[in-house]
Protein backbone atom coordinates (compact mmCIF):
# COMPACT_ATOMS: atom_id res chain seq x y z
CA MET A 1 -13.94 -47.61 40.32
CA ASN A 2 -10.58 -46.04 40.26
CA ARG A 3 -7.72 -48.27 40.18
CA SER A 4 -4.01 -47.11 41.16
CA ASN A 5 -0.99 -48.10 39.38
CA SER A 6 2.45 -48.59 41.13
CA ASP A 7 2.99 -44.76 41.86
CA GLY A 8 -0.64 -44.60 43.36
CA ALA A 9 -2.29 -42.74 40.15
CA ALA A 10 -5.51 -43.37 39.10
CA ASP A 11 -5.56 -45.23 36.08
CA ARG A 12 -6.19 -43.11 32.99
CA ASP A 13 -7.81 -46.17 31.24
CA ASP A 14 -10.95 -45.59 33.00
CA PRO A 15 -12.97 -43.45 30.72
CA GLY A 16 -14.89 -42.25 33.96
CA SER A 17 -12.08 -41.27 36.23
CA THR A 18 -10.79 -37.98 37.09
CA ALA A 19 -7.64 -38.31 35.84
CA ALA A 20 -9.15 -39.47 32.46
CA MET A 21 -11.47 -36.56 32.59
CA ASP A 22 -8.63 -34.09 33.29
CA ASP A 23 -6.53 -35.80 30.49
CA LYS A 24 -9.30 -35.07 28.06
CA ALA A 25 -9.49 -31.52 29.11
CA ALA A 26 -6.01 -30.83 28.85
CA VAL A 27 -6.17 -32.27 25.16
CA ARG A 28 -8.95 -29.89 24.73
CA SER A 29 -7.32 -27.05 26.05
CA ARG A 30 -4.08 -27.86 24.17
CA GLU A 31 -6.30 -28.33 21.06
CA THR A 32 -8.06 -24.58 21.34
CA LEU A 33 -5.00 -23.33 22.03
CA ALA A 34 -3.34 -24.79 18.78
CA SER A 35 -6.35 -23.69 16.60
CA ALA A 36 -6.13 -19.72 18.60
CA ARG A 37 -2.50 -19.98 17.47
CA GLU A 38 -3.11 -20.83 13.96
CA ASP A 39 -6.08 -18.22 13.71
CA ALA A 40 -3.54 -15.53 15.25
CA VAL A 41 -0.92 -16.78 12.35
CA ASP A 42 -3.66 -16.38 9.74
CA LEU A 43 -4.47 -12.88 11.18
CA ARG A 44 -1.31 -11.55 11.17
CA GLU A 45 -0.81 -12.79 7.60
CA ASN A 46 -3.98 -10.98 6.45
CA ALA A 47 -2.88 -8.08 8.70
CA VAL A 48 0.12 -8.21 6.51
CA ASP A 49 -1.40 -8.42 3.40
CA VAL A 50 -3.86 -5.48 4.05
CA ARG A 51 -0.79 -3.49 4.44
CA GLU A 52 0.97 -4.51 1.64
CA GLY A 53 -2.45 -3.85 -0.23
CA SER A 54 -2.37 -0.45 1.34
CA ALA A 55 1.09 0.47 0.21
CA THR A 56 0.33 -0.73 -3.48
CA SER A 57 -2.42 1.51 -3.49
CA ARG A 58 -0.62 3.96 -2.16
CA GLU A 59 2.63 3.24 -4.65
CA ARG A 60 0.08 3.64 -7.60
CA GLU A 61 -1.45 6.99 -6.34
CA ILE A 62 2.19 8.47 -5.73
CA ARG A 63 3.21 7.06 -9.47
CA ALA A 64 -0.14 8.58 -10.66
CA THR A 65 0.69 11.84 -9.23
CA GLU A 66 3.97 11.89 -10.52
CA THR A 67 2.83 10.88 -13.99
CA THR A 68 0.32 13.64 -13.57
CA GLN A 69 3.02 16.37 -12.34
CA ALA A 70 5.79 15.01 -15.33
CA ALA A 71 2.76 15.68 -17.94
CA SER A 72 2.11 19.16 -15.98
CA ASP A 73 5.66 20.05 -16.13
CA GLU A 74 5.95 19.06 -19.48
CA HIS A 75 2.82 21.53 -20.70
CA MET A 76 4.14 24.31 -18.81
CA SER A 77 7.69 23.91 -20.42
CA MET A 78 6.02 23.92 -23.62
CA LEU A 79 3.86 27.02 -22.85
CA LEU A 80 6.69 29.11 -21.49
CA GLN A 81 8.39 28.18 -24.98
CA ALA A 82 5.65 29.33 -26.76
CA ASN A 83 5.44 32.31 -24.78
CA GLU A 84 9.23 33.16 -25.74
CA HIS A 85 8.47 32.63 -29.51
CA LEU A 86 5.28 35.07 -29.53
CA VAL A 87 7.79 37.73 -27.53
CA ILE A 88 10.55 37.43 -30.13
CA ALA A 89 7.81 37.43 -32.98
CA THR A 90 6.16 40.70 -31.18
CA ILE A 91 9.10 42.27 -31.15
CA GLU A 92 10.23 41.71 -34.74
CA ALA A 93 6.94 42.39 -35.75
CA GLN A 94 7.50 46.17 -34.20
CA LYS A 95 10.55 46.48 -35.80
CA LEU A 96 9.10 45.60 -39.02
CA ALA A 97 6.33 48.23 -38.32
CA GLU A 98 8.90 51.01 -37.62
CA GLN A 99 11.02 50.05 -40.90
CA VAL A 100 7.58 50.18 -42.68
CA GLU A 101 7.33 53.92 -41.39
CA ILE A 102 10.71 54.77 -42.26
CA ALA A 103 10.13 53.69 -45.88
CA LYS A 104 6.67 55.71 -45.76
CA VAL A 105 8.33 58.76 -44.51
CA GLN A 106 11.18 58.26 -47.16
CA LEU A 107 8.85 58.01 -50.08
């Protein structure tokens, strides 16, 4: 049996009343909404973590590539210097060979 208060609304203390059931449904709806919001916040935070993890992974790959490139550049520089020394040594060897030939002719 529904009892009305002074403004004509059904008594919400009566668990079987329509108003009480509407209140319970509204409370469940609010709880569901709050839970969904919390889940959405968690998902956003996880997405940020994943993006940061991906960025960190990319940064590591970039640093590794830069390190490899720097080592390659250094190795190339050493090879160029070695080549220059070989060219100089070859020229000097040719000059010495010419001097030896001249010395042989003079003797």
